[in-house]
Amino acid sequence: MFENLSERLSGVLDRLTKQGALSEDDVKTALREVRVALLEADVSLPVAREFIKKVQDQATGQAVTKSVTPGQQVVKIVHDALVDTLTGEGDPGALKIDNAPAPILMVGLQGSGKTTTTAKLAKRLKERDGKRVLMASLDVNRPAAMEQLQILGQQVGVDTLPIVKGEDPVTIAKRAKTQASLGGYDVYMLDTAGRLHIDAELIQQAADVRDVANPRETLLVVDGLTGQDAVNVATEFDDKIGVTGVVLTRMDGDGRGGAALSMRAITGKPIRFVGTGEKMDAIETFEPERIAGRILGMGDIVSLVEKAQQTIEAEQAERMMKRFQKGQFNMNDLKMQLEQMQKMGGMEGMMGMMPGMGKMAKQMEGAGIDDRMLVQQIALIQSMTKKERANPKILQASRKKRIAAGAGMEVSELNKLLKMQRQMGDMMKKMGKMGKGGMLKQAMKRMFGKGGPSPEEMAQGMDPKALEQAARQMGSGRGMPGGFPGMGGGQSLPPGLSGFGKKK
C-alpha cells in the first residue's frame, strides 16, 4: 500500500545521501519533492505542510553526527517526523478489556471490511490473549450479514450470538450483553450496520447501541483505499459516536497510504490495527516505527523475526537442529523450510521487510524470483517417493526424469533444487559445528529458550547495512546471494542474511 510513497521518498532521499555536505538549498529542494510525494500519496494539504515544516525546522541548523553523511541525517529526521505523525498514545495493540464482559463496538461504512475485521480481532484476542469472546451482528439491513459473522465465527472457533429474526440493533445489543455476562465471556464484540455513505440514521443507530453497551473500545474500520474521504468519515464518526481507535483494512491493496498519515494527524485518534490480507490471521498491530521504516525502504526486520517465531514450532525446531548438526538435511527438511517461507508471506512478503529490498522488487520479478518458484519446488519434492526424499543421493537419471515429469517440470529445475539442498545441508553442518555449542544451537536457544531475547533484540543482531548490501548485490545483476542457493546465486551467505539460516 505504501509502495508509491516509498518509491518517491527513497528517490529523493537517495540523491541527498550521495552528497558530502548539504546546503540549505539542497534541503529545501528535497523537501519540496517530499511534499509533492506526500500530496500524490493522498496526504491532505494541511498535514503535508505541517510535516514539511517540522522536518525543515529540525534539518536546518542540525549538527551532523560524525560518521553520518548529512543526507543520512535528513533521512533520519524525516523518519522521526513520520513516526511522530503516526504515533498515538499507549500501546496500539492493547485493547481496554479489563472488566469482563468488556464490550467492543465496531463501526464504519459498508464494504470497509467490518465483519471480517471483527472476526480477525476475535481470533487474535482468543489466541494471543487467551480471552473468551462472543461476537454479535447488529446488521439487520444487509442480507445475510448475520449469517456471514456466524460462518466466520465457526471458522475461527469463536462463539456468535444466536440469530433471532425481527429484532432491532438495540435489542440485540442488550441480548449480547446478557449472554456475555451469563456465559462467562471476557469480551463481546458488536458488529454494527454500515451504509454506502455517512447518514444520520446509521449514526443514530450506532449511537443508541453505544448508549446501551457503554463500550470500552469503539473501533472505526476504514478501507485504506478510500484516500482523502477516509479522514471525513473518521471525523464524522468521532464527533457523533466517539472513536477510541482506527483499524485500517486493505493495507495490501494499491491505495496510496497517505490516508493513514492524514487520519492520524487530523483526528488525533490512534491507528490500532491494520488488515493485510484476506486470511483470518492477516491483521497486525499498527507499529508507527515499523511502518515509517517500510515507507522509507528501511525494511522491518522486527516483523520478520516475529513472523518466523510464530511459524516455527519449538519442538520441531529442536529435532531439526539435532539432525542438522549431524549433517542430515534431506528433502523433507527442505520442504518444511519452503512451506515456512510461504507461511511467512512468501518471497514477496519476506523481501518487503528487508532493508533495501523494496527497490529490488522489479529486478526480482524480471529474474523470475517469486512465490510460484516456491510452489514449483514443493511440487518437485512431493513428486518423490518417501525413500527418495529421505535420501536424495539415490536419484539417478531415470528417477529424475520420472520426478520432473510428475511435477510437470524440466529435469534442469530438479537439478537446481538438488544443488540447493546440498548447499544448505553443508551450510547447516558448518553452522552446527561453529563456535561454542554451535551457532545453530545458540540461535535456537535464543528463539525458544526461556528468558531469551525479544524479536526487537534479535533484530538488532541482524545488520541492516549488510542486508541492504545483499539487496544491492541482487539488483546489480550479479545473481541471487548464496543464501538462496540453487536460485542462480553464489556460494556463501552475505553477513546480514546469515540470520535466515540460523532461525531455521
Protein backbone atom coordinates (compact mmCIF):
# COMPACT_ATOMS: atom_id res chain seq x y z
CA MET A 1 0.00 0.00 0.00
CA PHE A 2 2.84 2.40 0.79
CA GLU A 3 4.79 1.45 -2.36
CA ASN A 4 4.04 4.66 -4.25
CA LEU A 5 5.04 6.94 -1.37
CA SER A 6 8.00 4.72 -0.60
CA GLU A 7 9.40 4.87 -4.15
CA ARG A 8 9.13 8.66 -4.35
CA LEU A 9 10.69 9.34 -0.95
CA SER A 10 13.50 6.81 -1.49
CA GLY A 11 14.36 8.52 -4.79
CA VAL A 12 14.51 11.99 -3.21
CA LEU A 13 16.50 10.86 -0.18
CA ASP A 14 18.88 8.69 -2.23
CA ARG A 15 20.03 11.78 -4.11
CA LEU A 16 20.68 13.54 -0.81
CA THR A 17 22.67 10.72 0.81
CA LYS A 18 25.18 10.73 -2.03
CA GLN A 19 26.30 14.28 -1.16
CA GLY A 20 29.06 15.03 1.28
CA ALA A 21 27.69 18.31 2.67
CA LEU A 22 24.20 19.76 2.38
CA SER A 23 23.38 23.40 1.83
CA GLU A 24 20.09 24.92 2.94
CA ASP A 25 19.00 24.98 -0.72
CA ASP A 26 19.61 21.22 -1.03
CA VAL A 27 17.33 20.59 1.93
CA LYS A 28 14.66 22.97 0.59
CA THR A 29 14.68 21.34 -2.87
CA ALA A 30 14.49 17.87 -1.35
CA LEU A 31 11.64 18.87 0.99
CA ARG A 32 9.70 20.38 -1.90
CA GLU A 33 9.87 16.97 -3.59
CA VAL A 34 8.93 15.24 -0.34
CA ARG A 35 5.84 17.46 -0.12
CA VAL A 36 4.83 16.58 -3.70
CA ALA A 37 5.36 12.89 -2.89
CA LEU A 38 3.13 13.21 0.20
CA LEU A 39 0.36 15.00 -1.72
CA GLU A 40 0.47 12.42 -4.51
CA ALA A 41 0.15 9.71 -1.87
CA ASP A 42 -3.17 11.23 -0.73
CA VAL A 43 -1.88 13.02 2.37
CA SER A 44 -4.06 16.08 2.95
CA LEU A 45 -2.50 19.51 2.33
CA PRO A 46 -2.55 20.81 5.95
CA VAL A 47 -0.89 17.61 7.17
CA ALA A 48 1.77 17.72 4.41
CA ARG A 49 2.52 21.40 5.20
CA GLU A 50 2.82 20.73 8.92
CA PHE A 51 5.04 17.69 8.26
CA ILE A 52 7.42 19.61 5.96
CA LYS A 53 7.65 22.50 8.45
CA LYS A 54 8.54 20.07 11.25
CA VAL A 55 11.28 18.45 9.13
CA GLN A 56 12.65 21.80 7.92
CA ASP A 57 12.90 23.21 11.44
CA GLN A 58 14.81 20.14 12.58
CA ALA A 59 17.03 19.81 9.48
CA THR A 60 18.09 23.46 9.36
CA GLY A 61 20.94 24.13 11.73
CA GLN A 62 21.12 20.47 12.71
CA ALA A 63 24.62 19.46 13.78
CA VAL A 64 25.61 16.45 11.72
CA THR A 65 26.77 13.47 13.77
CA LYS A 66 30.22 12.11 12.92
CA SER A 67 30.38 9.15 10.54
CA VAL A 68 26.90 10.00 9.22
CA THR A 69 26.55 11.90 5.96
CA PRO A 70 24.28 14.98 6.05
CA GLY A 71 21.88 13.19 3.70
CA GLN A 72 21.53 10.25 6.07
CA GLN A 73 20.86 12.74 8.85
CA VAL A 74 17.94 14.18 6.84
CA VAL A 75 16.62 10.66 6.23
CA LYS A 76 16.66 10.10 9.99
CA ILE A 77 14.85 13.40 10.62
CA VAL A 78 12.18 12.51 8.01
CA HIS A 79 11.85 9.04 9.59
CA ASP A 80 11.44 10.51 13.10
CA ALA A 81 8.87 13.03 11.84
CA LEU A 82 6.90 10.21 10.15
CA VAL A 83 6.95 8.18 13.37
CA ASP A 84 5.88 11.24 15.35
CA THR A 85 2.96 11.89 12.96
CA LEU A 86 1.78 8.27 13.07
CA THR A 87 2.14 7.61 16.81
CA GLY A 88 -0.82 7.57 19.19
CA GLU A 89 -0.78 7.33 22.97
CA GLY A 90 -0.11 3.97 24.58
CA ASP A 91 0.37 0.57 23.03
CA PRO A 92 -1.74 0.32 19.82
CA GLY A 93 -2.34 -3.42 20.25
CA ALA A 94 -3.52 -3.27 23.88
CA LEU A 95 -7.31 -3.06 23.89
CA LYS A 96 -9.03 -1.94 27.11
CA ILE A 97 -10.77 -5.14 28.12
CA ASP A 98 -10.26 -5.11 31.87
CA ASN A 99 -13.70 -5.63 33.49
CA ALA A 100 -15.43 -8.67 31.97
CA PRO A 101 -17.51 -8.82 29.88
CA ALA A 102 -15.93 -5.84 28.06
CA PRO A 103 -17.92 -4.56 25.07
CA ILE A 104 -16.10 -3.58 21.85
CA LEU A 105 -18.16 -1.65 19.31
CA MET A 106 -17.19 -1.92 15.63
CA VAL A 107 -18.37 0.95 13.40
CA GLY A 108 -17.70 2.05 9.81
CA LEU A 109 -19.12 2.36 6.31
CA GLN A 110 -20.45 -0.54 4.29
CA GLY A 111 -17.79 -2.51 2.44
CA SER A 112 -14.94 -1.37 4.67
CA GLY A 113 -14.42 -4.92 5.98
CA LYS A 114 -16.09 -4.51 9.39
CA THR A 115 -17.46 -8.05 9.74
CA THR A 116 -14.22 -9.72 8.64
CA THR A 117 -12.17 -7.43 10.91
CA THR A 118 -14.47 -8.29 13.85
CA ALA A 119 -13.72 -12.00 13.33
CA LYS A 120 -9.98 -11.36 12.85
CA LEU A 121 -9.80 -9.37 16.10
CA ALA A 122 -11.84 -12.00 17.96
CA LYS A 123 -9.43 -14.71 16.76
CA ARG A 124 -6.47 -12.57 17.85
CA LEU A 125 -7.95 -11.95 21.32
CA LYS A 126 -8.70 -15.64 21.74
CA GLU A 127 -5.32 -16.94 20.58
CA ARG A 128 -2.90 -14.24 21.74
CA ASP A 129 -4.58 -13.02 24.91
CA GLY A 130 -6.46 -16.20 25.89
CA LYS A 131 -9.82 -14.38 26.09
CA ARG A 132 -13.28 -15.91 25.72
CA VAL A 133 -15.01 -13.86 23.04
CA LEU A 134 -18.64 -13.60 21.92
CA MET A 135 -19.50 -11.92 18.61
CA ALA A 136 -22.89 -10.42 17.77
CA SER A 137 -24.05 -8.97 14.45
CA LEU A 138 -26.34 -5.93 14.75
CA ASP A 139 -26.61 -5.55 10.99
CA VAL A 140 -30.34 -6.09 10.35
CA ASN A 141 -30.27 -4.37 6.94
CA ARG A 142 -27.70 -6.17 4.77
CA PRO A 143 -28.92 -9.57 3.54
CA ALA A 144 -27.07 -12.49 5.19
CA ALA A 145 -24.84 -10.16 7.26
CA MET A 146 -25.64 -12.07 10.45
CA GLU A 147 -25.06 -15.43 8.78
CA GLN A 148 -21.69 -14.16 7.48
CA LEU A 149 -20.49 -13.41 11.02
CA GLN A 150 -21.80 -16.80 12.19
CA ILE A 151 -19.81 -18.63 9.47
CA LEU A 152 -16.67 -16.61 10.24
CA GLY A 153 -17.15 -17.45 13.93
CA GLN A 154 -17.19 -21.17 13.09
CA GLN A 155 -14.02 -20.74 11.00
CA VAL A 156 -12.04 -19.05 13.80
CA GLY A 157 -13.60 -21.03 16.66
CA VAL A 158 -15.33 -18.08 18.32
CA ASP A 159 -18.94 -18.14 19.62
CA THR A 160 -21.60 -15.97 17.98
CA LEU A 161 -24.90 -14.80 19.40
CA PRO A 162 -27.83 -16.95 18.11
CA ILE A 163 -29.76 -15.13 15.36
CA VAL A 164 -33.32 -14.03 16.20
CA LYS A 165 -35.08 -12.53 13.17
CA GLY A 166 -37.02 -9.29 13.52
CA GLU A 167 -35.05 -7.78 16.44
CA ASP A 168 -33.71 -4.24 16.25
CA PRO A 169 -29.98 -3.48 16.87
CA VAL A 170 -30.51 -2.13 20.42
CA THR A 171 -32.41 -5.29 21.48
CA ILE A 172 -29.65 -7.49 20.00
CA ALA A 173 -27.01 -5.45 21.87
CA LYS A 174 -28.90 -5.94 25.17
CA ARG A 175 -29.21 -9.67 24.49
CA ALA A 176 -25.47 -9.90 23.72
CA LYS A 177 -24.69 -8.13 26.99
CA THR A 178 -26.86 -10.57 28.97
CA GLN A 179 -25.45 -13.66 27.24
CA ALA A 180 -21.85 -12.43 27.68
CA SER A 181 -22.46 -11.94 31.43
CA LEU A 182 -24.20 -15.28 31.93
CA GLY A 183 -21.82 -17.24 29.69
CA GLY A 184 -18.68 -16.02 31.46
CA TYR A 185 -17.20 -14.29 28.41
CA ASP A 186 -14.31 -11.80 28.77
CA VAL A 187 -15.21 -9.74 25.70
CA TYR A 188 -18.25 -9.29 23.50
CA MET A 189 -17.92 -7.63 20.09
CA LEU A 190 -20.80 -5.76 18.45
CA ASP A 191 -20.63 -5.55 14.65
CA THR A 192 -22.90 -2.63 13.62
CA ALA A 193 -24.55 -1.99 10.24
CA GLY A 194 -22.79 0.02 7.54
CA ARG A 195 -24.11 2.35 4.86
CA LEU A 196 -22.75 3.39 1.49
CA HIS A 197 -22.15 6.89 2.86
CA ILE A 198 -22.46 8.65 6.21
CA ASP A 199 -26.15 9.21 7.01
CA ALA A 200 -27.97 10.38 10.09
CA GLU A 201 -29.94 7.14 10.54
CA LEU A 202 -26.81 4.97 10.65
CA ILE A 203 -25.04 7.31 13.06
CA GLN A 204 -28.11 7.46 15.33
CA GLN A 205 -28.44 3.67 15.34
CA ALA A 206 -24.78 3.26 16.34
CA ALA A 207 -25.16 5.99 19.00
CA ASP A 208 -28.17 4.16 20.51
CA VAL A 209 -26.19 0.93 20.67
CA ARG A 210 -23.31 2.82 22.28
CA ASP A 211 -25.61 4.18 24.98
CA VAL A 212 -26.88 0.67 25.79
CA ALA A 213 -23.50 -1.10 25.72
CA ASN A 214 -21.10 1.59 27.06
CA PRO A 215 -18.24 0.10 25.01
CA ARG A 216 -14.69 0.03 26.43
CA GLU A 217 -13.42 0.46 22.87
CA THR A 218 -15.15 1.88 19.79
CA LEU A 219 -13.11 0.88 16.75
CA LEU A 220 -13.71 2.59 13.43
CA VAL A 221 -12.96 0.31 10.47
CA VAL A 222 -11.81 2.28 7.43
CA ASP A 223 -10.96 0.97 3.97
CA GLY A 224 -7.37 2.01 3.22
CA LEU A 225 -8.35 2.59 -0.42
CA THR A 226 -10.78 5.43 0.33
CA GLY A 227 -7.98 8.02 0.37
CA GLN A 228 -8.87 11.53 1.47
CA ASP A 229 -12.52 10.73 2.19
CA ALA A 230 -11.40 8.40 4.98
CA VAL A 231 -10.49 11.49 7.03
CA ASN A 232 -14.04 12.92 6.69
CA VAL A 233 -15.51 9.56 7.68
CA ALA A 234 -13.27 9.37 10.77
CA THR A 235 -14.09 12.95 11.82
CA GLU A 236 -17.84 12.42 11.40
CA PHE A 237 -17.93 9.16 13.39
CA ASP A 238 -15.74 10.62 16.12
CA ASP A 239 -17.96 13.71 16.52
CA LYS A 240 -21.22 11.74 16.74
CA ILE A 241 -20.20 8.47 18.41
CA GLY A 242 -16.70 8.92 19.86
CA VAL A 243 -14.00 6.68 18.44
CA THR A 244 -11.14 5.24 20.54
CA GLY A 245 -9.10 3.86 17.64
CA VAL A 246 -8.97 3.13 13.93
CA VAL A 247 -8.48 -0.17 12.07
CA LEU A 248 -7.20 0.30 8.50
CA THR A 249 -8.16 -2.50 6.12
CA ARG A 250 -6.79 -3.45 2.69
CA MET A 251 -3.27 -2.38 3.54
CA ASP A 252 -2.19 -4.97 0.98
CA GLY A 253 -4.08 -3.08 -1.74
CA ASP A 254 -2.75 -0.44 -4.11
CA GLY A 255 -4.09 2.53 -2.14
CA ARG A 256 -1.61 5.30 -1.56
CA GLY A 257 -1.13 5.04 2.17
CA GLY A 258 -1.48 8.78 2.75
CA ALA A 259 -4.88 8.30 4.39
CA ALA A 260 -3.10 6.73 7.39
CA LEU A 261 -0.93 9.82 7.86
CA SER A 262 -3.82 12.26 7.38
CA MET A 263 -6.24 10.42 9.62
CA ARG A 264 -3.81 10.12 12.48
CA ALA A 265 -2.82 13.80 12.23
CA ILE A 266 -6.30 15.32 11.77
CA THR A 267 -8.48 13.19 14.06
CA GLY A 268 -5.81 12.61 16.70
CA LYS A 269 -7.10 9.02 17.00
CA PRO A 270 -4.53 6.23 17.12
CA ILE A 271 -4.45 3.65 14.33
CA ARG A 272 -4.61 0.40 16.32
CA PHE A 273 -4.55 -2.40 13.74
CA VAL A 274 -4.09 -2.89 10.01
CA GLY A 275 -5.67 -5.59 7.85
CA THR A 276 -3.06 -7.01 5.49
CA GLY A 277 -4.96 -9.65 3.51
CA GLU A 278 -7.95 -11.94 3.16
CA LYS A 279 -6.91 -14.66 5.62
CA MET A 280 -8.20 -14.67 9.18
CA ASP A 281 -4.75 -14.08 10.69
CA ALA A 282 -3.87 -11.24 8.29
CA ILE A 283 -4.11 -8.48 10.91
CA GLU A 284 -1.18 -6.70 12.51
CA THR A 285 -0.75 -4.18 15.29
CA PHE A 286 -0.03 -0.77 13.75
CA GLU A 287 3.57 -0.05 14.76
CA PRO A 288 4.46 3.52 13.65
CA GLU A 289 8.23 2.92 13.69
CA ARG A 290 7.95 -0.16 11.52
CA ILE A 291 5.50 1.44 9.07
CA ALA A 292 7.78 4.51 8.78
CA GLY A 293 10.70 2.15 8.17
CA ARG A 294 8.80 0.39 5.41
CA ILE A 295 7.77 3.71 3.82
CA LEU A 296 11.41 4.85 3.70
CA GLY A 297 12.61 1.46 2.44
CA MET A 298 14.47 0.74 5.69
CA GLY A 299 12.74 -2.62 6.00
CA ASP A 300 11.11 -4.16 9.03
CA ILE A 301 13.39 -6.84 10.45
CA VAL A 302 11.48 -7.00 13.75
CA SER A 303 8.27 -8.11 12.00
CA LEU A 304 10.26 -10.67 10.02
CA VAL A 305 11.70 -12.20 13.22
CA GLU A 306 8.24 -12.16 14.86
CA LYS A 307 6.73 -13.98 11.88
CA ALA A 308 9.50 -16.57 11.99
CA GLN A 309 8.87 -17.12 15.71
CA GLN A 310 5.14 -17.61 15.14
CA THR A 311 5.54 -20.12 12.31
CA ILE A 312 8.31 -22.32 13.76
CA GLU A 313 7.26 -24.97 16.25
CA ALA A 314 9.77 -25.14 19.13
CA GLU A 315 9.89 -28.96 19.38
CA GLN A 316 10.10 -29.41 15.65
CA ALA A 317 12.96 -26.89 15.53
CA GLU A 318 14.82 -28.77 18.29
CA ARG A 319 14.51 -32.07 16.36
CA MET A 320 15.65 -30.45 13.14
CA MET A 321 18.63 -28.84 14.86
CA LYS A 322 19.92 -32.19 16.17
CA ARG A 323 19.77 -33.64 12.67
CA PHE A 324 21.39 -30.61 11.05
CA GLN A 325 24.34 -30.83 13.44
CA LYS A 326 24.98 -34.34 12.19
CA GLY A 327 24.83 -33.03 8.64
CA GLN A 328 21.46 -34.66 7.92
CA PHE A 329 19.44 -32.30 5.77
CA ASN A 330 17.13 -34.11 3.38
CA MET A 331 14.27 -33.16 1.08
CA ASN A 332 11.68 -33.35 3.89
CA ASP A 333 13.63 -30.65 5.77
CA LEU A 334 13.89 -28.51 2.66
CA LYS A 335 10.15 -28.88 2.02
CA MET A 336 9.46 -27.75 5.58
CA GLN A 337 11.60 -24.65 5.08
CA LEU A 338 9.95 -23.77 1.78
CA GLU A 339 6.50 -24.16 3.37
CA GLN A 340 7.64 -21.96 6.21
CA MET A 341 8.62 -19.22 3.75
CA GLN A 342 5.12 -19.50 2.28
CA LYS A 343 3.56 -19.11 5.75
CA MET A 344 5.65 -16.00 6.35
CA GLY A 345 4.13 -14.32 3.31
CA GLY A 346 6.21 -15.91 0.56
CA MET A 347 9.26 -14.36 -1.09
CA GLU A 348 7.46 -11.06 -1.61
CA GLY A 349 6.30 -10.77 2.00
CA MET A 350 9.75 -11.52 3.38
CA MET A 351 11.63 -9.31 0.95
CA GLY A 352 9.29 -6.41 1.67
CA MET A 353 10.51 -6.39 5.27
CA MET A 354 14.22 -6.47 4.43
CA PRO A 355 16.10 -3.18 4.11
CA GLY A 356 16.74 -2.05 0.55
CA MET A 357 14.68 -4.88 -0.91
CA GLY A 358 11.72 -2.68 -1.84
CA LYS A 359 13.74 -1.17 -4.68
CA MET A 360 14.72 -4.62 -5.91
CA ALA A 361 11.16 -5.89 -6.40
CA LYS A 362 11.17 -5.20 -10.15
CA GLN A 363 14.56 -6.83 -10.72
CA MET A 364 13.38 -9.87 -8.77
CA GLU A 365 10.28 -10.10 -10.95
CA GLY A 366 12.48 -9.94 -14.03
CA ALA A 367 14.66 -12.75 -12.71
CA GLY A 368 11.55 -14.88 -12.16
CA ILE A 369 12.00 -14.95 -8.39
CA ASP A 370 8.51 -15.08 -6.96
CA ASP A 371 6.15 -17.25 -4.96
CA ARG A 372 5.47 -19.54 -7.92
CA MET A 373 9.04 -20.75 -7.57
CA LEU A 374 8.33 -21.94 -4.01
CA VAL A 375 5.21 -23.78 -5.20
CA GLN A 376 7.16 -25.44 -8.04
CA GLN A 377 9.96 -26.55 -5.72
CA ILE A 378 7.47 -28.02 -3.23
CA ALA A 379 5.73 -29.82 -6.15
CA LEU A 380 9.04 -31.40 -7.18
CA ILE A 381 9.64 -32.69 -3.63
CA GLN A 382 6.08 -34.06 -3.46
CA SER A 383 6.71 -35.95 -6.69
CA MET A 384 9.43 -38.01 -4.96
CA THR A 385 8.90 -41.27 -3.06
CA LYS A 386 9.45 -41.35 0.72
CA LYS A 387 12.74 -43.14 0.22
CA GLU A 388 13.95 -40.54 -2.30
CA ARG A 389 13.02 -37.65 -0.02
CA ALA A 390 14.91 -39.17 2.90
CA ASN A 391 17.99 -39.92 0.78
CA PRO A 392 18.27 -37.67 -2.32
CA LYS A 393 21.69 -39.22 -3.16
CA ILE A 394 19.95 -42.23 -4.77
CA LEU A 395 18.46 -40.04 -7.51
CA GLN A 396 19.77 -41.26 -10.88
CA ALA A 397 18.81 -40.09 -14.37
CA SER A 398 15.73 -42.32 -14.75
CA ARG A 399 14.35 -41.33 -11.32
CA LYS A 400 15.00 -37.65 -12.07
CA LYS A 401 13.04 -37.91 -15.33
CA ARG A 402 10.10 -39.53 -13.53
CA ILE A 403 10.09 -36.92 -10.73
CA ALA A 404 10.33 -33.94 -13.10
CA ALA A 405 7.54 -35.36 -15.32
CA GLY A 406 5.38 -35.98 -12.25
CA ALA A 407 5.65 -32.30 -11.25
CA GLY A 408 5.30 -31.11 -14.86
CA MET A 409 8.79 -29.57 -14.81
CA GLU A 410 12.17 -29.94 -16.51
CA VAL A 411 15.00 -32.11 -15.13
CA SER A 412 17.19 -28.95 -15.02
CA GLU A 413 14.80 -27.46 -12.41
CA LEU A 414 15.14 -30.61 -10.31
CA ASN A 415 18.94 -30.40 -10.55
CA LYS A 416 18.80 -26.81 -9.26
CA LEU A 417 16.68 -27.96 -6.33
CA LEU A 418 19.13 -30.80 -5.52
CA LYS A 419 22.04 -28.37 -5.65
CA MET A 420 20.17 -26.07 -3.28
CA GLN A 421 19.53 -28.96 -0.86
CA ARG A 422 23.23 -29.97 -0.91
CA GLN A 423 24.46 -26.42 -0.31
CA MET A 424 22.01 -25.83 2.51
CA GLY A 425 22.96 -29.16 4.08
CA ASP A 426 26.66 -28.18 4.01
CA MET A 427 25.85 -24.77 5.46
CA MET A 428 23.77 -26.26 8.29
CA LYS A 429 26.54 -28.74 9.11
CA LYS A 430 29.13 -25.94 9.30
CA MET A 431 26.87 -23.83 11.47
CA GLY A 432 26.20 -26.79 13.75
CA LYS A 433 29.91 -27.08 14.47
CA MET A 434 30.89 -23.40 14.61
CA GLY A 435 31.72 -21.76 17.91
CA LYS A 436 30.92 -22.88 21.42
CA GLY A 437 27.90 -25.18 21.32
CA GLY A 438 27.43 -24.40 17.64
CA MET A 439 25.92 -21.34 16.04
CA LEU A 440 22.67 -23.17 15.24
CA LYS A 441 22.17 -24.33 18.79
CA GLN A 442 22.69 -20.83 20.18
CA ALA A 443 20.29 -19.36 17.63
CA MET A 444 17.61 -21.91 18.53
CA LYS A 445 18.09 -21.22 22.22
CA ARG A 446 17.70 -17.54 21.54
CA MET A 447 14.47 -18.14 19.65
CA PHE A 448 12.83 -20.59 22.01
CA GLY A 449 14.77 -20.63 25.27
CA LYS A 450 13.09 -19.23 28.33
CA GLY A 451 14.21 -15.70 29.08
CA GLY A 452 15.52 -15.39 25.52
CA PRO A 453 15.66 -12.04 23.77
CA SER A 454 12.62 -10.31 22.27
CA PRO A 455 12.19 -10.01 18.47
CA GLU A 456 13.40 -6.40 18.82
CA GLU A 457 16.66 -7.52 20.46
CA MET A 458 17.12 -10.27 17.90
CA ALA A 459 16.56 -7.82 15.07
CA GLN A 460 19.35 -5.66 16.44
CA GLY A 461 21.66 -8.63 15.94
CA MET A 462 20.97 -8.53 12.20
CA ASP A 463 22.92 -5.82 10.44
CA PRO A 464 20.55 -3.78 8.22
CA LYS A 465 23.54 -2.44 6.23
CA ALA A 466 24.67 -5.96 5.40
CA LEU A 467 21.10 -6.84 4.39
CA GLU A 468 20.89 -3.75 2.19
CA GLN A 469 24.25 -4.60 0.63
CA ALA A 470 22.92 -8.07 -0.16
CA ALA A 471 19.85 -6.46 -1.73
CA ARG A 472 22.04 -4.22 -3.87
CA GLN A 473 24.07 -7.23 -4.97
CA MET A 474 20.82 -8.80 -6.14
CA GLY A 475 19.81 -5.72 -8.04
CA SER A 476 23.19 -5.28 -9.72
CA GLY A 477 22.55 -8.40 -11.77
CA ARG A 478 25.23 -10.43 -10.02
CA GLY A 479 22.66 -13.07 -9.29
CA MET A 480 20.98 -14.13 -6.10
CA PRO A 481 23.05 -14.07 -2.92
CA GLY A 482 24.07 -17.53 -1.87
CA GLY A 483 21.53 -17.52 0.95
CA PHE A 484 19.16 -18.84 -1.66
CA PRO A 485 21.37 -21.47 -3.32
CA GLY A 486 20.04 -23.08 -6.43
CA MET A 487 18.35 -19.85 -7.46
CA GLY A 488 21.35 -18.89 -9.54
CA GLY A 489 23.48 -17.38 -6.80
CA GLY A 490 26.89 -17.54 -5.19
CA GLN A 491 28.20 -20.00 -2.66
CA SER A 492 28.16 -18.15 0.67
CA LEU A 493 25.62 -16.15 2.58
CA PRO A 494 26.16 -12.38 2.86
CA PRO A 495 26.80 -11.49 6.54
CA GLY A 496 23.41 -9.92 7.27
CA LEU A 497 21.45 -12.72 5.66
CA SER A 498 23.08 -15.44 7.72
CA GLY A 499 20.29 -14.74 10.23
CA PHE A 500 17.94 -16.72 7.99
CA GLY A 501 19.94 -19.91 8.22
CA LYS A 502 20.19 -19.51 11.97
CA LYS A 503 16.49 -19.04 12.59
CA LYS A 504 15.64 -22.20 10.78
